[in-house]
Amino acid sequence: MALWGLLWVSTCWASTDINTASEAELDGIKGIGPALSSKVLAARQQGAFQDWADLMRRVKGISSKNAAKLSAEGLTVQGLPFGAAIPAPPQKPSSTGLNSQP
């Protein structure tokens, strides 16, 4: 019984990445119907979506309000939910000599 519960919870919280989802998977997300999924698939033929901003630029009908709702339903772009901070690249050590001993 516990195993069944664990499987059910993991299925409920599974995310769907827009760059790899099939038409059926996209249609399965609340808020995406056949018209929007076909727009997504057509735009995706030009290349993978880099981030949510790229998705909103390329697919008419996805605004930031709509993106937030779709993200809440489990949609991700590059594995990230809408509004997630993209990790900054590591910074190089400063060459100003602030940490050097005189």
N, C-alpha and C. Protein backbone atom coordinates (compact mmCIF):
# COMPACT_ATOMS: atom_id res chain seq x y z
N MET A 1 0.82 -1.19 0.00
CA MET A 1 0.00 0.00 0.00
C MET A 1 0.87 1.27 0.00
N ALA A 2 1.92 1.25 0.79
CA ALA A 2 2.81 2.42 0.84
C ALA A 2 3.50 2.65 -0.51
N LEU A 3 3.87 1.57 -1.17
CA LEU A 3 4.50 1.70 -2.48
C LEU A 3 3.54 2.31 -3.48
N TRP A 4 2.31 1.89 -3.46
CA TRP A 4 1.30 2.45 -4.35
C TRP A 4 1.14 3.95 -4.09
N GLY A 5 1.09 4.35 -2.84
CA GLY A 5 0.98 5.77 -2.48
C GLY A 5 2.16 6.57 -2.99
N LEU A 6 3.35 6.00 -2.87
CA LEU A 6 4.55 6.69 -3.34
C LEU A 6 4.52 6.86 -4.86
N LEU A 7 4.10 5.84 -5.57
CA LEU A 7 4.00 5.93 -7.02
C LEU A 7 2.96 6.96 -7.44
N TRP A 8 1.85 7.02 -6.73
CA TRP A 8 0.80 7.98 -7.05
C TRP A 8 1.29 9.41 -6.85
N VAL A 9 1.96 9.66 -5.75
CA VAL A 9 2.48 11.00 -5.46
C VAL A 9 3.51 11.41 -6.50
N SER A 10 4.42 10.50 -6.87
CA SER A 10 5.44 10.86 -7.85
C SER A 10 4.83 11.13 -9.22
N THR A 11 3.75 10.45 -9.56
CA THR A 11 3.06 10.70 -10.82
C THR A 11 2.39 12.06 -10.80
N CYS A 12 1.81 12.43 -9.70
CA CYS A 12 1.13 13.72 -9.58
C CYS A 12 2.10 14.88 -9.69
N TRP A 13 3.29 14.71 -9.21
CA TRP A 13 4.26 15.81 -9.20
C TRP A 13 5.24 15.74 -10.36
N ALA A 14 5.01 14.83 -11.29
CA ALA A 14 5.91 14.72 -12.43
C ALA A 14 5.79 15.97 -13.29
N SER A 15 6.91 16.39 -13.80
CA SER A 15 6.89 17.56 -14.67
C SER A 15 6.99 17.13 -16.12
N THR A 16 6.56 18.01 -16.99
CA THR A 16 6.60 17.77 -18.43
C THR A 16 7.40 18.89 -19.06
N ASP A 17 8.53 18.53 -19.66
CA ASP A 17 9.35 19.57 -20.29
C ASP A 17 8.83 19.85 -21.70
N ILE A 18 8.64 21.10 -22.00
CA ILE A 18 8.07 21.52 -23.28
C ILE A 18 8.95 21.14 -24.46
N ASN A 19 10.24 20.97 -24.23
CA ASN A 19 11.15 20.64 -25.33
C ASN A 19 11.14 19.16 -25.70
N THR A 20 10.59 18.31 -24.86
CA THR A 20 10.59 16.87 -25.14
C THR A 20 9.20 16.26 -25.15
N ALA A 21 8.20 17.01 -24.74
CA ALA A 21 6.84 16.47 -24.62
C ALA A 21 6.23 16.18 -25.99
N SER A 22 5.47 15.11 -26.04
CA SER A 22 4.72 14.79 -27.25
C SER A 22 3.46 15.64 -27.30
N GLU A 23 2.78 15.60 -28.42
CA GLU A 23 1.52 16.34 -28.54
C GLU A 23 0.52 15.87 -27.50
N ALA A 24 0.44 14.57 -27.28
CA ALA A 24 -0.48 14.02 -26.28
C ALA A 24 -0.12 14.48 -24.87
N GLU A 25 1.18 14.53 -24.56
CA GLU A 25 1.61 14.99 -23.24
C GLU A 25 1.27 16.47 -23.05
N LEU A 26 1.47 17.26 -24.10
CA LEU A 26 1.13 18.69 -24.00
C LEU A 26 -0.37 18.86 -23.81
N ASP A 27 -1.17 18.11 -24.59
CA ASP A 27 -2.62 18.19 -24.46
C ASP A 27 -3.11 17.76 -23.09
N GLY A 28 -2.33 16.93 -22.41
CA GLY A 28 -2.70 16.45 -21.08
C GLY A 28 -2.51 17.48 -19.98
N ILE A 29 -1.87 18.59 -20.29
CA ILE A 29 -1.65 19.64 -19.30
C ILE A 29 -2.84 20.58 -19.33
N LYS A 30 -3.43 20.80 -18.16
CA LYS A 30 -4.57 21.70 -18.06
C LYS A 30 -4.16 23.08 -18.56
N GLY A 31 -4.91 23.61 -19.52
CA GLY A 31 -4.60 24.92 -20.09
C GLY A 31 -4.00 24.84 -21.48
N ILE A 32 -3.60 23.62 -21.88
CA ILE A 32 -3.08 23.44 -23.24
C ILE A 32 -4.04 22.54 -23.99
N GLY A 33 -4.57 23.07 -25.07
CA GLY A 33 -5.45 22.28 -25.92
C GLY A 33 -4.77 22.00 -27.24
N PRO A 34 -5.49 21.41 -28.16
CA PRO A 34 -4.90 21.07 -29.46
C PRO A 34 -4.33 22.27 -30.22
N ALA A 35 -4.98 23.41 -30.16
CA ALA A 35 -4.49 24.59 -30.89
C ALA A 35 -3.16 25.06 -30.34
N LEU A 36 -3.05 25.17 -29.02
CA LEU A 36 -1.81 25.65 -28.41
C LEU A 36 -0.69 24.62 -28.55
N SER A 37 -1.02 23.34 -28.39
CA SER A 37 0.04 22.33 -28.53
C SER A 37 0.59 22.31 -29.95
N SER A 38 -0.25 22.53 -30.95
CA SER A 38 0.27 22.55 -32.32
C SER A 38 1.14 23.79 -32.55
N LYS A 39 0.82 24.92 -31.91
CA LYS A 39 1.68 26.11 -32.01
C LYS A 39 3.04 25.84 -31.36
N VAL A 40 3.01 25.17 -30.21
CA VAL A 40 4.25 24.84 -29.51
C VAL A 40 5.11 23.92 -30.37
N LEU A 41 4.50 22.88 -30.92
CA LEU A 41 5.26 21.93 -31.73
C LEU A 41 5.83 22.59 -32.98
N ALA A 42 5.07 23.49 -33.60
CA ALA A 42 5.56 24.20 -34.78
C ALA A 42 6.75 25.09 -34.43
N ALA A 43 6.66 25.80 -33.31
CA ALA A 43 7.76 26.66 -32.88
C ALA A 43 8.98 25.84 -32.47
N ARG A 44 8.73 24.69 -31.90
CA ARG A 44 9.82 23.83 -31.44
C ARG A 44 10.62 23.26 -32.61
N GLN A 45 10.02 23.17 -33.79
CA GLN A 45 10.74 22.69 -34.96
C GLN A 45 11.88 23.65 -35.34
N GLN A 46 11.78 24.88 -34.93
CA GLN A 46 12.82 25.88 -35.19
C GLN A 46 14.00 25.73 -34.22
N GLY A 47 13.80 24.95 -33.16
CA GLY A 47 14.83 24.74 -32.15
C GLY A 47 14.21 24.69 -30.77
N ALA A 48 14.95 24.15 -29.83
CA ALA A 48 14.47 24.02 -28.45
C ALA A 48 14.27 25.40 -27.83
N PHE A 49 13.31 25.48 -26.94
CA PHE A 49 13.09 26.72 -26.18
C PHE A 49 14.18 26.83 -25.14
N GLN A 50 14.83 27.99 -25.09
CA GLN A 50 15.95 28.18 -24.17
C GLN A 50 15.49 28.46 -22.75
N ASP A 51 14.38 29.17 -22.62
CA ASP A 51 13.83 29.52 -21.31
C ASP A 51 12.39 29.96 -21.51
N TRP A 52 11.73 30.34 -20.43
CA TRP A 52 10.33 30.74 -20.50
C TRP A 52 10.15 31.98 -21.36
N ALA A 53 11.09 32.91 -21.28
CA ALA A 53 10.99 34.13 -22.10
C ALA A 53 11.02 33.78 -23.58
N ASP A 54 11.87 32.85 -23.96
CA ASP A 54 11.95 32.40 -25.34
C ASP A 54 10.63 31.75 -25.76
N LEU A 55 10.06 30.94 -24.91
CA LEU A 55 8.77 30.31 -25.19
C LEU A 55 7.69 31.36 -25.40
N MET A 56 7.64 32.36 -24.53
CA MET A 56 6.60 33.39 -24.63
C MET A 56 6.80 34.26 -25.87
N ARG A 57 8.03 34.47 -26.30
CA ARG A 57 8.29 35.24 -27.52
C ARG A 57 7.84 34.47 -28.76
N ARG A 58 8.07 33.19 -28.77
CA ARG A 58 7.86 32.39 -29.98
C ARG A 58 6.47 31.78 -30.12
N VAL A 59 5.73 31.64 -29.03
CA VAL A 59 4.40 31.01 -29.10
C VAL A 59 3.33 32.01 -28.69
N LYS A 60 2.56 32.45 -29.69
CA LYS A 60 1.47 33.38 -29.42
C LYS A 60 0.44 32.68 -28.55
N GLY A 61 0.00 33.37 -27.51
CA GLY A 61 -0.98 32.79 -26.60
C GLY A 61 -0.39 32.39 -25.27
N ILE A 62 0.92 32.46 -25.13
CA ILE A 62 1.54 32.17 -23.83
C ILE A 62 2.12 33.48 -23.30
N SER A 63 1.40 34.02 -22.33
CA SER A 63 1.82 35.24 -21.64
C SER A 63 2.43 34.83 -20.30
N SER A 64 2.93 35.78 -19.55
CA SER A 64 3.51 35.43 -18.25
C SER A 64 2.44 34.89 -17.30
N LYS A 65 1.22 35.41 -17.40
CA LYS A 65 0.13 34.90 -16.56
C LYS A 65 -0.19 33.45 -16.93
N ASN A 66 -0.29 33.19 -18.23
CA ASN A 66 -0.56 31.84 -18.71
C ASN A 66 0.61 30.92 -18.37
N ALA A 67 1.83 31.40 -18.52
CA ALA A 67 3.02 30.60 -18.21
C ALA A 67 3.03 30.17 -16.75
N ALA A 68 2.65 31.07 -15.86
CA ALA A 68 2.60 30.73 -14.43
C ALA A 68 1.59 29.61 -14.18
N LYS A 69 0.44 29.68 -14.85
CA LYS A 69 -0.59 28.64 -14.69
C LYS A 69 -0.10 27.30 -15.25
N LEU A 70 0.51 27.35 -16.42
CA LEU A 70 1.01 26.11 -17.03
C LEU A 70 2.11 25.49 -16.18
N SER A 71 2.96 26.32 -15.62
CA SER A 71 4.03 25.84 -14.76
C SER A 71 3.45 25.18 -13.51
N ALA A 72 2.40 25.76 -12.96
CA ALA A 72 1.75 25.17 -11.78
C ALA A 72 1.15 23.81 -12.11
N GLU A 73 0.82 23.59 -13.38
CA GLU A 73 0.27 22.30 -13.82
C GLU A 73 1.38 21.29 -14.14
N GLY A 74 2.65 21.71 -14.05
CA GLY A 74 3.77 20.79 -14.24
C GLY A 74 4.61 21.02 -15.47
N LEU A 75 4.33 22.05 -16.25
CA LEU A 75 5.11 22.32 -17.44
C LEU A 75 6.43 22.99 -17.06
N THR A 76 7.51 22.57 -17.69
CA THR A 76 8.82 23.18 -17.46
C THR A 76 9.46 23.51 -18.80
N VAL A 77 10.43 24.40 -18.76
CA VAL A 77 11.27 24.71 -19.92
C VAL A 77 12.71 24.47 -19.47
N GLN A 78 13.38 23.58 -20.16
CA GLN A 78 14.74 23.18 -19.77
C GLN A 78 14.77 22.66 -18.33
N GLY A 79 13.67 22.04 -17.91
CA GLY A 79 13.59 21.46 -16.56
C GLY A 79 13.25 22.45 -15.46
N LEU A 80 13.04 23.72 -15.82
CA LEU A 80 12.79 24.75 -14.80
C LEU A 80 11.34 25.23 -14.85
N PRO A 81 10.72 25.41 -13.69
CA PRO A 81 9.38 25.99 -13.66
C PRO A 81 9.45 27.48 -13.96
N PHE A 82 8.31 28.07 -14.28
CA PHE A 82 8.26 29.50 -14.57
C PHE A 82 8.66 30.30 -13.34
N GLY A 83 9.51 31.28 -13.54
CA GLY A 83 9.93 32.15 -12.45
C GLY A 83 11.14 31.63 -11.68
N ALA A 84 11.61 30.43 -12.02
CA ALA A 84 12.79 29.90 -11.33
C ALA A 84 14.02 30.67 -11.76
N ALA A 85 14.87 30.93 -10.81
CA ALA A 85 16.11 31.63 -11.13
C ALA A 85 17.05 30.70 -11.87
N ILE A 86 17.63 31.18 -12.92
CA ILE A 86 18.62 30.39 -13.66
C ILE A 86 19.95 30.57 -12.95
N PRO A 87 20.61 29.46 -12.60
CA PRO A 87 21.87 29.59 -11.89
C PRO A 87 22.89 30.40 -12.70
N ALA A 88 23.54 31.31 -12.01
CA ALA A 88 24.56 32.13 -12.66
C ALA A 88 25.81 31.30 -12.89
N PRO A 89 26.52 31.56 -13.98
CA PRO A 89 27.77 30.83 -14.21
C PRO A 89 28.79 31.19 -13.13
N PRO A 90 29.67 30.28 -12.79
CA PRO A 90 30.67 30.58 -11.76
C PRO A 90 31.53 31.76 -12.18
N GLN A 91 31.84 32.59 -11.21
CA GLN A 91 32.66 33.76 -11.49
C GLN A 91 34.13 33.42 -11.35
N LYS A 92 34.94 34.08 -12.15
CA LYS A 92 36.38 33.89 -12.08
C LYS A 92 36.89 34.65 -10.85
N PRO A 93 37.96 34.15 -10.24
CA PRO A 93 38.55 34.88 -9.11
C PRO A 93 38.97 36.28 -9.53
N SER A 94 38.80 37.20 -8.64
CA SER A 94 39.14 38.59 -8.92
C SER A 94 40.66 38.75 -9.05
N SER A 95 41.05 39.55 -10.00
CA SER A 95 42.48 39.80 -10.17
C SER A 95 42.87 41.17 -9.63
N THR A 96 42.01 41.72 -8.75
CA THR A 96 42.31 43.04 -8.21
C THR A 96 43.32 43.01 -7.09
N GLY A 97 43.60 41.81 -6.57
CA GLY A 97 44.58 41.70 -5.52
C GLY A 97 44.06 42.06 -4.14
N LEU A 98 42.74 42.08 -3.96
CA LEU A 98 42.18 42.44 -2.67
C LEU A 98 42.50 41.42 -1.60
N ASN A 99 42.69 40.18 -1.97
CA ASN A 99 42.98 39.14 -0.99
C ASN A 99 44.47 38.87 -0.82
N SER A 100 45.31 39.61 -1.52
CA SER A 100 46.74 39.34 -1.44
C SER A 100 47.35 40.00 -0.21
N GLN A 101 48.41 39.40 0.30
CA GLN A 101 49.12 39.91 1.46
C GLN A 101 50.18 40.90 0.98
N PRO A 102 50.39 42.06 1.67
CA PRO A 102 51.44 43.01 1.26
C PRO A 102 52.83 42.49 1.51
